[in-house]
Structure formats: C-alpha cells, structure tokens
Amino acid sequence: MDTGTILGYTVGYIAAMGGVFLLYLPVIVLLVVLLIAGGVLQLLLVPFIALFRKLRRRPEPNLDPSWFLDRQR
C-alpha cells in the first residue's frame, strides 16, 4: 500500500463518518428540541404544581398531648 491508498482510505473513512452524522442529524436535533421543550414545560408548570400540592395538603393532626392531662373539662 502506498501513501495515496492510505490517504484515500482516511478521507473515505472521514467522509463516511460525516455522512452518518448528517444522516442522523435530524434525529439529534429533534431529541435536543424535545428535551428543551420538556424543560421549558416543567418550568412553566412549577407554579401550578405548587398550587395543587398546597390545595391537596391535609390539615396536620393535633399531636399536642397537653389535652390528655387537662383536668378543666
């Protein structure tokens, strides 16, 4: 093998890598866009999630045992 053949294989290998990258570029861009959209949607829903949790919170039970020793009743 001479240097021209090795250089040709190297250029072909790099071209094949570039072709595969260009082939999957729409999928990569779509994945990145979906991740960003999901993050923005989560940031927009944070106030509503906090509101729902506040509204669904049950009143805390009275765990104060002082009523047990209260003789005024």
C-alpha atoms as a PDB file:
ATOM      1  CA  MET A   1       0.000   0.000   0.000  1.00  0.00           C
ATOM      2  CA  ASP A   2       1.344   3.372  -0.887  1.00  0.00           C
ATOM      3  CA  THR A   3       0.584   6.712   0.755  1.00  0.00           C
ATOM      4  CA  GLY A   4      -2.102   7.574  -1.800  1.00  0.00           C
ATOM      5  CA  THR A   5      -4.131   4.498  -0.856  1.00  0.00           C
ATOM      6  CA  ILE A   6      -3.808   5.193   2.875  1.00  0.00           C
ATOM      7  CA  LEU A   7      -4.776   8.807   2.300  1.00  0.00           C
ATOM      8  CA  GLY A   8      -7.766   7.692   0.201  1.00  0.00           C
ATOM      9  CA  TYR A   9      -8.956   5.293   2.904  1.00  0.00           C
ATOM     10  CA  THR A  10      -8.550   8.014   5.537  1.00  0.00           C
ATOM     11  CA  VAL A  11     -10.556  10.533   3.519  1.00  0.00           C
ATOM     12  CA  GLY A  12     -13.200   7.892   2.780  1.00  0.00           C
ATOM     13  CA  TYR A  13     -13.450   6.986   6.460  1.00  0.00           C
ATOM     14  CA  ILE A  14     -13.872  10.643   7.462  1.00  0.00           C
ATOM     15  CA  ALA A  15     -16.439  11.122   4.672  1.00  0.00           C
ATOM     16  CA  ALA A  16     -18.373   8.081   5.888  1.00  0.00           C
ATOM     17  CA  MET A  17     -18.388   9.484   9.443  1.00  0.00           C
ATOM     18  CA  GLY A  18     -19.634  12.816   8.112  1.00  0.00           C
ATOM     19  CA  GLY A  19     -22.333  11.088   6.069  1.00  0.00           C
ATOM     20  CA  VAL A  20     -23.577   9.103   9.058  1.00  0.00           C
ATOM     21  CA  PHE A  21     -23.572  12.264  11.160  1.00  0.00           C
ATOM     22  CA  LEU A  22     -25.601  14.111   8.505  1.00  0.00           C
ATOM     23  CA  LEU A  23     -27.934  11.121   8.235  1.00  0.00           C
ATOM     24  CA  TYR A  24     -28.726  11.186  11.963  1.00  0.00           C
ATOM     25  CA  LEU A  25     -28.583  14.971  12.374  1.00  0.00           C
ATOM     26  CA  PRO A  26     -32.388  15.437  12.184  1.00  0.00           C
ATOM     27  CA  VAL A  27     -32.853  12.842  14.915  1.00  0.00           C
ATOM     28  CA  ILE A  28     -30.250  14.526  17.117  1.00  0.00           C
ATOM     29  CA  VAL A  29     -31.822  17.962  16.565  1.00  0.00           C
ATOM     30  CA  LEU A  30     -35.298  16.594  17.314  1.00  0.00           C
ATOM     31  CA  LEU A  31     -34.057  14.983  20.530  1.00  0.00           C
ATOM     32  CA  VAL A  32     -32.427  18.218  21.676  1.00  0.00           C
ATOM     33  CA  VAL A  33     -35.542  20.249  20.820  1.00  0.00           C
ATOM     34  CA  LEU A  34     -37.773  17.815  22.721  1.00  0.00           C
ATOM     35  CA  LEU A  35     -35.507  17.945  25.770  1.00  0.00           C
ATOM     36  CA  ILE A  36     -35.538  21.744  25.743  1.00  0.00           C
ATOM     37  CA  ALA A  37     -39.333  21.832  25.257  1.00  0.00           C
ATOM     38  CA  GLY A  38     -39.809  19.417  28.147  1.00  0.00           C
ATOM     39  CA  GLY A  39     -37.635  21.553  30.393  1.00  0.00           C
ATOM     40  CA  VAL A  40     -39.495  24.740  29.473  1.00  0.00           C
ATOM     41  CA  LEU A  41     -42.826  22.995  30.061  1.00  0.00           C
ATOM     42  CA  GLN A  42     -41.679  21.844  33.505  1.00  0.00           C
ATOM     43  CA  LEU A  43     -40.600  25.383  34.372  1.00  0.00           C
ATOM     44  CA  LEU A  44     -43.980  26.729  33.277  1.00  0.00           C
ATOM     45  CA  LEU A  45     -45.854  24.122  35.340  1.00  0.00           C
ATOM     46  CA  VAL A  46     -43.944  24.644  38.600  1.00  0.00           C
ATOM     47  CA  PRO A  47     -46.379  27.292  39.990  1.00  0.00           C
ATOM     48  CA  PHE A  48     -49.393  25.113  39.187  1.00  0.00           C
ATOM     49  CA  ILE A  49     -47.813  22.054  40.791  1.00  0.00           C
ATOM     50  CA  ALA A  50     -47.085  24.067  43.931  1.00  0.00           C
ATOM     51  CA  LEU A  51     -50.684  25.342  43.968  1.00  0.00           C
ATOM     52  CA  PHE A  52     -52.139  21.841  43.591  1.00  0.00           C
ATOM     53  CA  ARG A  53     -49.935  20.498  46.371  1.00  0.00           C
ATOM     54  CA  LYS A  54     -50.977  23.362  48.622  1.00  0.00           C
ATOM     55  CA  LEU A  55     -54.658  22.766  47.902  1.00  0.00           C
ATOM     56  CA  ARG A  56     -54.432  18.989  48.396  1.00  0.00           C
ATOM     57  CA  ARG A  57     -52.492  19.203  51.650  1.00  0.00           C
ATOM     58  CA  ARG A  58     -54.443  17.697  54.514  1.00  0.00           C
ATOM     59  CA  PRO A  59     -54.565  19.539  57.815  1.00  0.00           C
ATOM     60  CA  GLU A  60     -51.888  18.316  60.148  1.00  0.00           C
ATOM     61  CA  PRO A  61     -53.220  16.282  63.062  1.00  0.00           C
ATOM     62  CA  ASN A  62     -53.012  17.807  66.504  1.00  0.00           C
ATOM     63  CA  LEU A  63     -50.242  15.820  68.135  1.00  0.00           C
ATOM     64  CA  ASP A  64     -50.108  18.013  71.220  1.00  0.00           C
ATOM     65  CA  PRO A  65     -50.599  15.662  74.221  1.00  0.00           C
ATOM     66  CA  SER A  66     -51.497  18.509  76.591  1.00  0.00           C
ATOM     67  CA  TRP A  67     -55.228  17.798  76.167  1.00  0.00           C
ATOM     68  CA  PHE A  68     -54.710  14.426  77.847  1.00  0.00           C
ATOM     69  CA  LEU A  69     -53.572  16.000  81.107  1.00  0.00           C
ATOM     70  CA  ASP A  70     -56.067  18.865  81.019  1.00  0.00           C
ATOM     71  CA  ARG A  71     -58.424  18.467  84.036  1.00  0.00           C
ATOM     72  CA  GLN A  72     -60.517  21.571  83.388  1.00  0.00           C
ATOM     73  CA  ARG A  73     -63.166  19.732  81.397  1.00  0.00           C
END
